N, C-alpha and C. Protein backbone atom coordinates (compact mmCIF):
# COMPACT_ATOMS: atom_id res chain seq x y z
N MET A 1 188.10 17.48 86.23
CA MET A 1 188.08 18.64 86.96
C MET A 1 186.78 19.30 86.93
N SER A 2 186.29 19.77 88.06
CA SER A 2 184.93 20.35 88.07
C SER A 2 184.64 21.46 87.21
N ASN A 3 183.55 21.76 86.72
CA ASN A 3 183.26 23.06 85.79
C ASN A 3 182.85 24.08 86.57
N LYS A 4 183.51 25.10 86.75
CA LYS A 4 183.24 26.33 87.44
C LYS A 4 182.31 27.34 86.84
N LEU A 5 182.02 26.89 85.59
CA LEU A 5 181.24 28.17 84.81
C LEU A 5 179.76 27.85 85.24
N ASN A 6 178.88 28.74 85.69
CA ASN A 6 177.60 28.55 85.75
C ASN A 6 176.70 28.45 84.44
N SER A 7 176.27 27.36 84.29
CA SER A 7 175.51 26.70 82.89
C SER A 7 174.58 27.72 82.43
N GLN A 8 173.70 28.28 83.45
CA GLN A 8 172.75 29.24 82.91
C GLN A 8 173.27 30.58 82.32
N ILE A 9 174.35 30.88 83.07
CA ILE A 9 174.95 32.22 82.67
C ILE A 9 175.46 32.00 81.30
N LEU A 10 176.46 30.81 81.13
CA LEU A 10 177.01 30.61 79.85
C LEU A 10 175.92 30.49 78.61
N SER A 11 174.88 29.79 79.14
CA SER A 11 173.76 29.46 78.09
C SER A 11 173.11 30.82 77.61
N ASP A 12 172.79 31.74 78.61
CA ASP A 12 172.38 33.00 78.27
C ASP A 12 173.38 33.74 77.24
N ALA A 13 174.48 33.85 77.83
CA ALA A 13 175.49 34.48 76.93
C ALA A 13 175.60 33.99 75.48
N ILE A 14 175.60 32.78 75.28
CA ILE A 14 175.61 32.22 73.91
C ILE A 14 174.58 32.52 73.12
N GLU A 15 173.44 32.51 73.91
CA GLU A 15 172.05 32.63 72.98
C GLU A 15 172.14 34.01 72.41
N LYS A 16 172.65 34.97 73.29
CA LYS A 16 172.65 36.22 73.04
C LYS A 16 173.77 36.70 71.81
N ILE A 17 174.88 35.96 72.02
CA ILE A 17 175.91 36.07 71.00
C ILE A 17 175.33 35.57 69.55
N LEU A 18 174.71 34.50 69.55
CA LEU A 18 174.07 33.93 68.33
C LEU A 18 172.94 34.92 67.77
N ALA A 19 172.12 35.40 68.76
CA ALA A 19 171.00 36.17 68.12
C ALA A 19 171.60 37.52 67.72
N TYR A 20 172.67 38.00 68.30
CA TYR A 20 173.16 39.41 68.03
C TYR A 20 173.91 39.23 66.56
N SER A 21 174.53 38.12 66.45
CA SER A 21 175.17 37.94 65.10
C SER A 21 174.28 37.35 63.90
N ALA A 22 173.00 37.23 64.39
CA ALA A 22 172.05 36.91 63.26
C ALA A 22 171.23 38.17 62.97
N GLY A 23 171.36 39.34 63.63
CA GLY A 23 170.78 40.60 63.28
C GLY A 23 169.75 40.81 64.14
N GLU A 24 169.40 39.97 65.16
CA GLU A 24 168.27 40.10 66.10
C GLU A 24 168.51 41.30 67.12
N THR A 25 167.57 41.56 67.93
CA THR A 25 167.48 42.49 69.02
C THR A 25 167.77 41.73 70.33
N ILE A 26 168.63 42.07 71.10
CA ILE A 26 169.11 41.63 72.37
C ILE A 26 169.14 42.44 73.46
N THR A 27 168.91 42.12 74.82
CA THR A 27 168.90 43.00 75.90
C THR A 27 170.20 42.88 76.65
N ILE A 28 170.72 44.00 76.97
CA ILE A 28 171.96 44.06 77.65
C ILE A 28 171.75 45.13 78.93
N ASN A 29 171.96 44.54 80.16
CA ASN A 29 171.70 45.45 81.19
C ASN A 29 170.19 46.09 81.26
N GLY A 30 169.20 45.51 80.73
CA GLY A 30 168.04 46.16 80.74
C GLY A 30 167.57 47.07 79.32
N GLU A 31 168.78 47.26 78.62
CA GLU A 31 168.48 47.97 77.37
C GLU A 31 168.70 47.07 76.23
N GLU A 32 167.67 47.41 75.12
CA GLU A 32 167.77 46.65 73.80
C GLU A 32 168.90 47.32 72.98
N VAL A 33 169.59 46.09 72.53
CA VAL A 33 170.69 46.52 71.71
C VAL A 33 170.26 45.59 70.06
N GLN A 34 170.34 46.46 69.03
CA GLN A 34 170.25 45.91 67.73
C GLN A 34 171.39 45.25 67.22
N GLY A 35 171.28 44.03 66.90
CA GLY A 35 172.42 43.10 66.43
C GLY A 35 172.62 43.45 64.77
N LYS A 36 173.55 42.94 64.36
CA LYS A 36 173.82 43.23 62.95
C LYS A 36 174.55 41.90 62.35
N LYS A 37 173.96 41.41 61.11
CA LYS A 37 174.56 40.17 60.58
C LYS A 37 175.66 40.60 59.56
N ARG A 38 176.73 40.12 59.81
CA ARG A 38 177.90 40.32 58.93
C ARG A 38 177.92 39.51 57.80
N ASN A 39 178.73 39.87 56.62
CA ASN A 39 178.72 39.05 55.59
C ASN A 39 180.06 37.99 55.82
N PHE A 40 180.37 37.65 56.94
CA PHE A 40 181.31 36.72 57.19
C PHE A 40 181.03 36.04 58.58
N VAL A 41 181.69 34.92 58.67
CA VAL A 41 181.33 34.13 59.96
C VAL A 41 182.21 34.65 61.10
N GLU A 42 181.58 35.09 62.29
CA GLU A 42 182.25 35.72 63.22
C GLU A 42 182.97 34.64 64.17
N THR A 43 184.23 34.83 64.75
CA THR A 43 184.82 34.09 65.54
C THR A 43 184.43 34.57 66.94
N VAL A 44 184.29 33.36 67.69
CA VAL A 44 183.91 33.71 69.27
C VAL A 44 185.11 33.38 70.08
N GLU A 45 185.32 34.52 70.74
CA GLU A 45 186.59 34.44 71.54
C GLU A 45 186.41 34.33 73.03
N LEU A 46 187.27 33.45 73.77
CA LEU A 46 187.15 33.33 75.17
C LEU A 46 188.31 34.46 75.71
N GLN A 47 187.94 35.54 76.41
CA GLN A 47 188.84 36.46 76.94
C GLN A 47 189.04 36.22 78.49
N VAL A 48 190.21 36.26 79.08
CA VAL A 48 190.42 35.96 80.51
C VAL A 48 191.35 37.00 81.10
N ASN A 49 190.84 37.47 82.11
CA ASN A 49 191.86 38.17 83.17
C ASN A 49 192.36 37.10 84.21
N LEU A 50 193.66 37.21 84.41
CA LEU A 50 194.10 36.35 85.38
C LEU A 50 194.26 37.18 86.87
N LYS A 51 194.37 36.59 87.91
CA LYS A 51 194.74 37.22 89.28
C LYS A 51 195.57 36.45 90.07
N ASN A 52 196.32 37.06 91.04
CA ASN A 52 197.09 36.34 91.87
C ASN A 52 198.27 35.61 91.17
N TYR A 53 198.66 36.19 89.97
CA TYR A 53 199.62 35.50 89.20
C TYR A 53 200.71 36.52 88.88
N ASP A 54 201.99 36.17 88.86
CA ASP A 54 203.20 37.07 88.73
C ASP A 54 203.87 36.55 87.54
N PRO A 55 203.61 37.32 86.35
CA PRO A 55 204.38 36.66 85.09
C PRO A 55 205.88 36.51 85.27
N GLN A 56 206.26 37.61 86.10
CA GLN A 56 207.87 37.50 86.35
C GLN A 56 208.33 36.39 86.97
N ARG A 57 207.52 36.19 88.07
CA ARG A 57 208.15 35.20 89.19
C ARG A 57 207.45 33.88 88.77
N ASP A 58 206.25 33.58 88.49
CA ASP A 58 205.39 32.54 88.40
C ASP A 58 206.04 31.86 87.17
N LYS A 59 206.05 30.27 87.14
CA LYS A 59 206.13 29.73 86.15
C LYS A 59 205.14 29.83 84.99
N ARG A 60 205.75 30.27 83.73
CA ARG A 60 204.90 30.53 82.67
C ARG A 60 204.30 29.16 82.10
N PHE A 61 203.28 29.19 81.78
CA PHE A 61 202.49 27.89 81.15
C PHE A 61 202.07 28.05 79.60
N SER A 62 201.95 26.96 79.20
CA SER A 62 201.79 26.80 77.88
C SER A 62 201.16 25.38 77.64
N GLY A 63 200.03 25.34 77.07
CA GLY A 63 199.28 24.10 76.59
C GLY A 63 198.31 23.94 75.51
N THR A 64 198.18 22.88 74.93
CA THR A 64 197.36 22.89 73.69
C THR A 64 196.21 21.93 74.14
N PHE A 65 195.04 22.12 73.26
CA PHE A 65 193.98 21.18 73.62
C PHE A 65 193.04 21.19 72.40
N LYS A 66 192.52 20.08 72.07
CA LYS A 66 191.92 19.85 70.78
C LYS A 66 190.38 19.75 71.14
N LEU A 67 189.62 20.72 70.70
CA LEU A 67 188.27 20.93 70.76
C LEU A 67 187.32 20.15 70.00
N PRO A 68 186.20 19.73 70.27
CA PRO A 68 185.47 18.71 69.56
C PRO A 68 184.94 19.35 68.19
N SER A 69 184.59 20.69 68.38
CA SER A 69 184.27 21.47 66.95
C SER A 69 185.33 22.34 66.64
N VAL A 70 185.60 22.58 65.42
CA VAL A 70 186.49 23.61 64.86
C VAL A 70 186.14 24.96 65.09
N PRO A 71 187.00 25.66 65.87
CA PRO A 71 186.63 27.11 65.89
C PRO A 71 186.81 27.92 64.83
N ARG A 72 187.90 27.66 64.05
CA ARG A 72 188.25 28.53 62.89
C ARG A 72 188.65 27.63 61.74
N PRO A 73 187.49 27.32 60.88
CA PRO A 73 187.69 26.44 59.86
C PRO A 73 188.56 26.94 58.78
N ASN A 74 188.39 28.54 58.63
CA ASN A 74 189.15 28.86 57.44
C ASN A 74 190.54 29.28 57.65
N LEU A 75 191.25 28.48 58.60
CA LEU A 75 192.64 28.84 58.73
C LEU A 75 193.39 28.24 57.50
N LYS A 76 194.43 28.85 57.17
CA LYS A 76 195.13 28.56 55.89
C LYS A 76 196.30 27.85 56.06
N CYS A 77 196.47 26.55 55.56
CA CYS A 77 197.58 25.75 55.62
C CYS A 77 198.44 25.72 54.34
N CYS A 78 199.69 25.39 54.39
CA CYS A 78 200.67 25.21 53.60
C CYS A 78 201.51 23.94 53.71
N MET A 79 201.55 23.10 52.95
CA MET A 79 202.26 21.70 52.87
C MET A 79 203.72 21.90 52.38
N LEU A 80 204.66 21.80 53.27
CA LEU A 80 206.06 21.91 52.92
C LEU A 80 206.55 20.42 52.57
N GLY A 81 206.43 19.99 51.38
CA GLY A 81 206.46 18.58 51.26
C GLY A 81 207.24 17.92 50.33
N ASN A 82 207.48 16.65 50.41
CA ASN A 82 208.02 15.78 49.50
C ASN A 82 207.22 15.59 48.36
N ALA A 83 207.59 15.01 47.10
CA ALA A 83 206.73 14.84 46.04
C ALA A 83 205.19 14.15 46.34
N VAL A 84 205.38 13.21 47.23
CA VAL A 84 204.07 12.34 47.54
C VAL A 84 203.11 13.26 48.36
N HIS A 85 203.65 14.16 49.30
CA HIS A 85 202.79 14.92 50.00
C HIS A 85 202.30 16.20 49.26
N CYS A 86 203.15 16.74 48.23
CA CYS A 86 202.77 17.77 47.39
C CYS A 86 201.50 17.18 46.50
N GLU A 87 201.68 16.01 45.88
CA GLU A 87 200.54 15.50 45.18
C GLU A 87 199.31 15.21 46.00
N GLN A 88 199.39 14.89 47.17
CA GLN A 88 198.33 14.66 47.96
C GLN A 88 197.49 16.04 48.29
N ALA A 89 198.34 17.02 48.54
CA ALA A 89 197.93 18.43 48.91
C ALA A 89 197.24 18.90 47.63
N ASP A 90 197.66 18.67 46.58
CA ASP A 90 197.06 19.07 45.30
C ASP A 90 195.59 18.69 45.22
N ARG A 91 195.64 17.15 45.55
CA ARG A 91 194.26 16.65 45.51
C ARG A 91 193.20 17.05 46.24
N ILE A 92 193.41 17.56 47.60
CA ILE A 92 192.56 17.96 48.42
C ILE A 92 192.52 19.45 48.54
N GLY A 93 193.26 20.21 47.55
CA GLY A 93 193.10 21.80 47.52
C GLY A 93 193.70 22.50 48.56
N VAL A 94 195.03 22.05 49.09
CA VAL A 94 195.92 22.74 49.93
C VAL A 94 197.15 23.09 49.22
N ASP A 95 197.64 24.28 49.47
CA ASP A 95 198.69 25.11 49.01
C ASP A 95 199.94 24.09 49.22
N HIS A 96 200.89 24.08 48.54
CA HIS A 96 202.15 23.32 48.81
C HIS A 96 203.44 23.84 48.03
N MET A 97 204.70 23.67 48.93
CA MET A 97 205.91 24.14 48.26
C MET A 97 206.80 22.88 48.57
N SER A 98 207.62 22.56 47.44
CA SER A 98 208.81 21.65 47.36
C SER A 98 210.18 22.19 48.01
N VAL A 99 211.02 21.40 48.10
CA VAL A 99 212.37 21.81 48.46
C VAL A 99 212.81 22.87 47.54
N GLU A 100 212.73 22.66 46.32
CA GLU A 100 213.16 23.58 45.25
C GLU A 100 212.43 24.81 45.23
N ASP A 101 211.09 24.91 45.65
CA ASP A 101 210.32 26.23 45.98
C ASP A 101 210.82 26.89 46.97
N LEU A 102 211.42 26.17 48.02
CA LEU A 102 211.95 26.71 49.14
C LEU A 102 213.48 27.48 49.06
N LYS A 103 214.01 26.61 48.23
CA LYS A 103 215.27 27.12 47.81
C LYS A 103 215.22 28.44 47.01
N LYS A 104 214.17 28.68 46.31
CA LYS A 104 214.01 29.83 45.47
C LYS A 104 213.86 31.12 46.48
N LEU A 105 213.46 30.92 47.64
CA LEU A 105 213.26 31.93 48.43
C LEU A 105 214.57 32.62 48.97
N ASN A 106 215.68 31.68 48.70
CA ASN A 106 217.10 32.06 49.14
C ASN A 106 217.23 32.55 50.46
N LYS A 107 216.54 32.07 51.41
CA LYS A 107 216.71 32.55 52.94
C LYS A 107 216.63 34.05 52.94
N ASN A 108 215.76 34.67 51.95
CA ASN A 108 215.53 36.06 51.98
C ASN A 108 214.43 36.51 53.20
N LYS A 109 215.07 37.19 53.98
CA LYS A 109 214.11 37.42 55.17
C LYS A 109 212.73 38.13 54.89
N LYS A 110 212.50 38.71 54.12
CA LYS A 110 211.37 39.63 53.64
C LYS A 110 210.49 38.49 53.10
N LEU A 111 210.96 37.64 52.20
CA LEU A 111 210.19 36.60 51.39
C LEU A 111 209.63 35.60 52.38
N VAL A 112 210.58 35.17 53.34
CA VAL A 112 210.11 34.19 54.38
C VAL A 112 209.17 34.80 55.45
N LYS A 113 209.33 36.01 55.59
CA LYS A 113 208.17 36.76 56.46
C LYS A 113 206.80 36.87 55.64
N LYS A 114 206.99 36.97 54.35
CA LYS A 114 205.74 37.16 53.53
C LYS A 114 204.94 35.85 53.52
N LEU A 115 205.88 34.56 53.48
CA LEU A 115 205.33 33.27 53.47
C LEU A 115 204.70 33.01 54.74
N ALA A 116 205.32 33.49 55.85
CA ALA A 116 204.69 32.96 57.19
C ALA A 116 203.28 33.82 57.58
N LYS A 117 203.33 35.12 56.86
CA LYS A 117 202.18 35.96 56.98
C LYS A 117 200.99 35.40 56.26
N LYS A 118 201.37 34.74 55.09
CA LYS A 118 200.45 34.28 53.99
C LYS A 118 199.44 32.92 54.69
N TYR A 119 200.14 32.31 55.53
CA TYR A 119 199.45 31.02 56.10
C TYR A 119 199.49 31.15 57.53
N ASP A 120 198.24 30.49 58.11
CA ASP A 120 197.99 30.45 59.57
C ASP A 120 199.03 29.40 60.09
N PHE A 121 199.30 28.20 59.23
CA PHE A 121 200.17 27.17 59.92
C PHE A 121 200.71 26.25 58.67
N PHE A 122 201.80 25.51 59.01
CA PHE A 122 202.59 24.67 58.13
C PHE A 122 202.43 23.40 58.35
N LEU A 123 202.50 22.56 57.54
CA LEU A 123 202.99 21.11 57.61
C LEU A 123 204.22 20.88 56.92
N ALA A 124 204.95 19.81 57.43
CA ALA A 124 206.02 19.32 56.67
C ALA A 124 206.32 17.83 56.66
N SER A 125 206.74 17.34 55.41
CA SER A 125 207.23 16.01 55.60
C SER A 125 208.24 15.64 56.32
N ASP A 126 208.35 14.49 56.90
CA ASP A 126 209.59 14.14 57.85
C ASP A 126 210.86 14.35 57.43
N ASN A 127 211.14 14.13 55.85
CA ASN A 127 212.37 14.35 55.30
C ASN A 127 212.77 15.68 55.10
N MET A 128 211.60 16.63 55.14
CA MET A 128 211.80 18.21 54.98
C MET A 128 212.08 18.91 56.20
N ILE A 129 211.32 18.38 57.42
CA ILE A 129 211.46 19.33 58.45
C ILE A 129 212.77 19.66 59.15
N LYS A 130 213.73 18.69 58.84
CA LYS A 130 215.11 18.95 59.62
C LYS A 130 215.76 19.91 58.60
N GLN A 131 215.39 20.16 57.34
CA GLN A 131 215.93 21.03 56.47
C GLN A 131 215.30 22.49 56.53
N ILE A 132 214.36 22.65 57.24
CA ILE A 132 213.53 23.97 57.14
C ILE A 132 214.49 25.20 57.67
N PRO A 133 215.29 24.85 58.76
CA PRO A 133 215.99 26.07 59.20
C PRO A 133 217.17 26.39 58.37
N ARG A 134 217.79 25.23 57.55
CA ARG A 134 218.72 25.49 56.71
C ARG A 134 218.09 26.21 55.35
N LEU A 135 217.06 25.86 54.92
CA LEU A 135 216.45 26.52 53.69
C LEU A 135 215.81 27.78 54.06
N LEU A 136 215.39 28.05 55.06
CA LEU A 136 214.48 29.33 55.30
C LEU A 136 215.09 30.23 56.37
N GLY A 137 215.95 29.59 57.32
CA GLY A 137 216.56 30.35 58.53
C GLY A 137 215.32 30.39 59.54
N PRO A 138 215.48 31.25 60.49
CA PRO A 138 214.58 31.18 61.53
C PRO A 138 213.24 31.71 61.50
N GLY A 139 212.86 32.39 60.38
CA GLY A 139 211.56 33.11 60.17
C GLY A 139 210.34 32.58 60.47
N LEU A 140 210.17 31.07 60.40
CA LEU A 140 208.83 30.71 60.62
C LEU A 140 208.97 30.33 62.07
N THR A 141 210.10 29.96 62.79
CA THR A 141 210.07 29.93 64.07
C THR A 141 209.61 31.24 64.78
N LYS A 142 210.20 32.41 64.41
CA LYS A 142 210.11 33.47 64.93
C LYS A 142 208.73 34.06 64.83
N ALA A 143 208.02 33.68 63.83
CA ALA A 143 206.62 33.87 63.60
C ALA A 143 205.68 32.95 64.33
N GLY A 144 206.20 32.06 65.12
CA GLY A 144 205.52 31.20 65.76
C GLY A 144 204.74 30.01 65.00
N LYS A 145 205.36 29.71 63.74
CA LYS A 145 204.70 29.02 62.89
C LYS A 145 205.61 27.94 62.34
N PHE A 146 206.41 27.50 63.03
CA PHE A 146 207.28 26.09 62.77
C PHE A 146 206.58 25.15 62.46
N PRO A 147 206.60 24.38 61.22
CA PRO A 147 205.91 23.43 60.85
C PRO A 147 205.50 22.26 61.66
N THR A 148 204.34 21.75 61.55
CA THR A 148 203.96 20.37 62.40
C THR A 148 204.24 19.23 61.28
N LEU A 149 204.87 18.32 62.08
CA LEU A 149 205.50 17.07 61.15
C LEU A 149 204.07 16.31 60.64
N LEU A 150 204.24 15.81 59.42
CA LEU A 150 203.25 15.01 58.92
C LEU A 150 204.07 13.84 58.26
N SER A 151 203.94 12.88 58.99
CA SER A 151 204.60 11.30 58.56
C SER A 151 203.94 10.69 57.44
N SER A 152 204.60 9.74 56.99
CA SER A 152 204.02 9.22 55.67
C SER A 152 202.77 8.27 55.97
N LYS A 153 202.68 8.03 57.37
CA LYS A 153 201.44 7.23 57.73
C LYS A 153 200.30 8.06 58.05
N ASP A 154 200.34 9.47 58.33
CA ASP A 154 199.30 10.35 58.67
C ASP A 154 198.50 10.65 57.43
N ASP A 155 197.18 10.90 57.77
CA ASP A 155 196.22 11.44 56.82
C ASP A 155 196.19 12.81 56.82
N MET A 156 196.69 13.42 55.64
CA MET A 156 196.86 14.92 55.68
C MET A 156 195.54 15.74 56.08
N GLN A 157 194.46 15.15 55.62
CA GLN A 157 193.20 16.14 55.96
C GLN A 157 193.02 15.96 57.41
N GLU A 158 193.12 14.79 57.90
CA GLU A 158 192.86 14.44 59.32
C GLU A 158 193.70 15.45 60.10
N LYS A 159 194.94 15.44 59.64
CA LYS A 159 195.95 16.22 60.58
C LYS A 159 195.71 17.90 60.48
N ILE A 160 195.03 18.18 59.38
CA ILE A 160 194.81 19.73 59.00
C ILE A 160 193.57 19.79 59.85
N ASN A 161 192.58 19.16 60.15
CA ASN A 161 191.23 19.44 60.78
C ASN A 161 191.78 19.24 62.40
N GLU A 162 192.79 18.39 62.59
CA GLU A 162 193.19 18.38 64.16
C GLU A 162 193.85 19.74 64.40
N ILE A 163 194.68 20.39 63.63
CA ILE A 163 195.28 21.49 64.02
C ILE A 163 194.29 22.92 64.06
N LYS A 164 193.33 22.52 62.95
CA LYS A 164 192.38 23.68 62.98
C LYS A 164 191.41 23.75 64.31
N ALA A 165 191.37 22.42 64.99
CA ALA A 165 190.59 22.37 66.10
C ALA A 165 191.25 22.62 67.47
N THR A 166 192.54 22.57 67.24
CA THR A 166 193.34 22.85 68.61
C THR A 166 193.69 24.19 69.01
N ILE A 167 193.38 24.59 70.36
CA ILE A 167 193.65 25.87 70.80
C ILE A 167 195.02 25.90 71.66
N LYS A 168 195.48 26.90 71.83
CA LYS A 168 196.75 27.11 72.65
C LYS A 168 196.55 28.33 73.59
N PHE A 169 196.76 27.87 74.91
CA PHE A 169 196.99 29.01 75.98
C PHE A 169 198.51 29.12 76.23
N GLN A 170 198.90 30.31 76.25
CA GLN A 170 200.34 30.60 76.58
C GLN A 170 200.43 31.92 77.38
N MET A 171 201.12 31.62 78.52
CA MET A 171 201.40 32.83 79.53
C MET A 171 202.52 33.75 78.79
N LYS A 172 202.13 35.01 78.60
CA LYS A 172 203.31 35.88 78.17
C LYS A 172 203.50 36.68 79.29
N LYS A 173 203.88 38.13 78.95
CA LYS A 173 204.13 39.07 80.09
C LYS A 173 202.93 39.62 80.57
N VAL A 174 201.70 39.41 79.99
CA VAL A 174 200.49 40.16 80.58
C VAL A 174 199.47 39.19 81.09
N MET A 175 198.73 39.82 81.72
CA MET A 175 197.66 38.97 82.68
C MET A 175 196.47 38.80 81.81
N THR A 176 196.40 38.88 80.70
CA THR A 176 195.11 38.80 79.86
C THR A 176 195.45 37.46 78.85
N LEU A 177 194.36 36.93 78.43
CA LEU A 177 194.50 35.76 77.31
C LEU A 177 193.26 35.97 76.69
N ASN A 178 193.37 35.85 75.10
CA ASN A 178 192.36 35.78 74.33
C ASN A 178 192.55 34.67 73.29
N VAL A 179 191.68 33.69 73.34
CA VAL A 179 191.57 32.40 72.51
C VAL A 179 190.49 32.18 71.82
N ALA A 180 190.27 31.84 70.45
CA ALA A 180 189.24 31.74 69.49
C ALA A 180 188.92 30.20 70.23
N VAL A 181 187.64 30.12 70.51
CA VAL A 181 187.06 28.83 70.92
C VAL A 181 185.92 28.15 70.04
N ALA A 182 185.07 29.30 69.30
CA ALA A 182 184.12 28.86 68.48
C ALA A 182 183.88 29.82 67.37
N ASN A 183 182.77 29.67 66.68
CA ASN A 183 182.33 30.51 65.62
C ASN A 183 180.92 30.53 65.51
N THR A 184 180.29 31.70 64.78
CA THR A 184 178.88 31.90 65.02
C THR A 184 178.07 31.14 64.05
N SER A 185 178.68 30.16 63.23
CA SER A 185 177.97 29.18 62.27
C SER A 185 177.82 28.05 63.20
N GLN A 186 178.32 27.79 64.39
CA GLN A 186 177.94 26.77 65.22
C GLN A 186 176.75 26.92 65.85
N ASP A 187 176.00 25.68 66.47
CA ASP A 187 174.90 25.77 67.42
C ASP A 187 175.39 25.99 68.66
N GLN A 188 174.23 26.24 69.37
CA GLN A 188 174.48 26.52 70.96
C GLN A 188 175.10 25.50 71.56
N GLN A 189 174.93 24.17 71.39
CA GLN A 189 175.52 23.16 72.02
C GLN A 189 176.93 23.06 71.63
N GLN A 190 177.38 23.33 70.42
CA GLN A 190 178.85 23.23 70.16
C GLN A 190 179.67 24.48 70.89
N LEU A 191 179.01 25.63 70.65
CA LEU A 191 179.57 26.74 71.40
C LEU A 191 179.69 26.35 73.01
N THR A 192 178.82 25.87 73.50
CA THR A 192 178.74 25.59 74.99
C THR A 192 179.85 24.65 75.31
N VAL A 193 179.73 23.49 74.70
CA VAL A 193 180.94 22.64 75.02
C VAL A 193 182.41 22.98 74.73
N ASN A 194 182.48 23.70 73.48
CA ASN A 194 183.84 24.25 73.30
C ASN A 194 184.32 25.24 74.34
N THR A 195 183.35 26.15 74.89
CA THR A 195 183.70 27.20 75.97
C THR A 195 184.07 26.47 77.27
N GLN A 196 183.27 25.40 77.66
CA GLN A 196 183.51 24.93 78.88
C GLN A 196 184.76 24.13 78.88
N LEU A 197 184.99 23.48 77.72
CA LEU A 197 186.18 22.49 77.63
C LEU A 197 187.44 23.52 77.72
N ALA A 198 187.41 24.58 76.95
CA ALA A 198 188.41 25.40 76.86
C ALA A 198 188.89 26.06 78.23
N ALA A 199 187.65 26.59 78.85
CA ALA A 199 187.88 27.33 80.18
C ALA A 199 188.55 26.08 81.22
N ASN A 200 187.89 24.97 81.33
CA ASN A 200 188.42 23.94 82.28
C ASN A 200 189.75 23.72 82.11
N PHE A 201 190.24 23.61 80.66
CA PHE A 201 191.55 23.16 80.26
C PHE A 201 192.60 24.42 80.85
N LEU A 202 192.01 25.71 80.66
CA LEU A 202 193.19 26.71 80.96
C LEU A 202 193.06 26.71 82.65
N ALA A 203 192.14 26.47 83.30
CA ALA A 203 192.10 26.49 84.77
C ALA A 203 192.99 25.39 85.23
N SER A 204 193.05 23.99 84.41
CA SER A 204 194.09 22.94 84.89
C SER A 204 195.50 23.52 84.53
N LEU A 205 195.77 24.28 83.85
CA LEU A 205 197.23 24.78 83.48
C LEU A 205 197.74 25.75 84.82
N LEU A 206 196.62 26.29 85.54
CA LEU A 206 197.18 27.45 86.31
C LEU A 206 197.41 26.85 87.76
N LYS A 207 198.27 27.56 88.56
CA LYS A 207 198.97 26.97 89.90
C LYS A 207 197.83 26.70 90.73
N LYS A 208 196.79 27.80 90.88
CA LYS A 208 195.89 27.57 91.89
C LYS A 208 194.47 27.53 90.93
N GLN A 209 194.69 26.94 89.78
CA GLN A 209 193.50 26.70 89.05
C GLN A 209 192.37 27.74 89.23
N TRP A 210 191.16 27.66 89.39
CA TRP A 210 190.07 28.43 89.01
C TRP A 210 190.35 29.89 90.05
N GLN A 211 191.04 29.63 90.96
CA GLN A 211 191.51 30.90 91.94
C GLN A 211 192.30 31.77 91.31
N ASN A 212 193.07 31.43 90.27
CA ASN A 212 193.86 32.26 89.43
C ASN A 212 193.09 32.99 88.37
N ILE A 213 191.80 32.74 88.05
CA ILE A 213 191.04 33.45 87.08
C ILE A 213 190.16 34.46 87.76
N GLY A 214 190.53 35.55 87.44
CA GLY A 214 189.57 36.92 87.83
C GLY A 214 188.25 36.96 87.17
N VAL A 215 188.29 37.31 85.78
CA VAL A 215 187.05 37.37 84.88
C VAL A 215 187.22 36.72 83.81
N MET A 216 186.09 36.27 83.22
CA MET A 216 186.15 35.58 81.92
C MET A 216 184.98 35.88 80.99
N TYR A 217 185.20 36.57 79.99
CA TYR A 217 184.16 37.01 78.91
C TYR A 217 184.21 36.11 77.65
N ILE A 218 183.06 36.03 77.12
CA ILE A 218 183.03 35.70 75.64
C ILE A 218 182.41 36.50 74.91
N LYS A 219 182.92 36.67 73.51
CA LYS A 219 182.37 37.74 72.62
C LYS A 219 182.66 37.21 71.15
N SER A 220 181.83 37.70 70.21
CA SER A 220 182.04 37.39 68.94
C SER A 220 182.92 38.54 68.42
N THR A 221 183.38 38.50 67.07
CA THR A 221 184.33 39.30 66.50
C THR A 221 183.59 40.95 66.70
N MET A 222 182.43 40.81 66.16
CA MET A 222 181.93 42.29 66.08
C MET A 222 180.85 42.56 67.22
N GLY A 223 180.68 41.77 68.03
CA GLY A 223 179.56 41.83 69.12
C GLY A 223 180.12 42.09 70.38
N PRO A 224 179.10 42.47 71.26
CA PRO A 224 179.47 42.98 72.64
C PRO A 224 180.07 41.72 73.45
N PRO A 225 181.10 42.03 74.69
CA PRO A 225 181.28 40.99 75.37
C PRO A 225 180.56 40.56 76.55
N PHE A 226 180.22 39.26 76.88
CA PHE A 226 179.40 38.85 77.84
C PHE A 226 180.31 38.02 79.04
N GLN A 227 180.14 38.54 80.25
CA GLN A 227 180.78 38.01 81.50
C GLN A 227 180.24 36.72 81.65
N ILE A 228 181.07 35.57 81.81
CA ILE A 228 180.64 34.30 82.19
C ILE A 228 181.32 33.78 83.41
N PHE A 229 182.37 34.60 83.84
CA PHE A 229 183.00 34.06 85.10
C PHE A 229 183.20 35.36 85.98
N PHE A 230 182.77 35.34 87.15
CA PHE A 230 182.84 36.55 88.16
C PHE A 230 183.82 36.46 89.11
């Protein structure tokens, strides 16, 4: 699918995002703006306004896409695992819970909610995944964090990296979408490729593709937004 983003506009926007997050002075609409270096790595978000789309009538879309560079490396995972997987998780420094640990939560809604809040995503062993609703109730599903299956053949670290690199576009009741596509510790090339791939993937999900996209911005957590599609 053809790339509808202007490479020069995108390149300038990314250059300014990286300069601003490094504390350098950048120019926006002819005015100089002083950047500020934060004591954390800022996430770079793609912000999209859709047009000619009716969330009530048109089919709602949902799609996931694996980016070449991980946008949010600090996402926290918990392994809901059998003995082998819990041992593996321990070796690579990943939090884990066994069936016995889950039973202790006693389907308590507050405790399950707290667990869902503590982690960004969950993995579960194949013999555990069927038991999750029975052990925890619908809490993880409601939080949109039902575990991803980790089979005995899968490499745990690879699976974690894959999930961290995967973005999701989902149409809800509003016409705006915000998705983390990169971070300010990455270089210009990584930001460019991730942004282009994410934008193209979103367009491929839409009924009229790029004609359904009104405007598109990218911005870092604490930085100003830059328009990359008009």
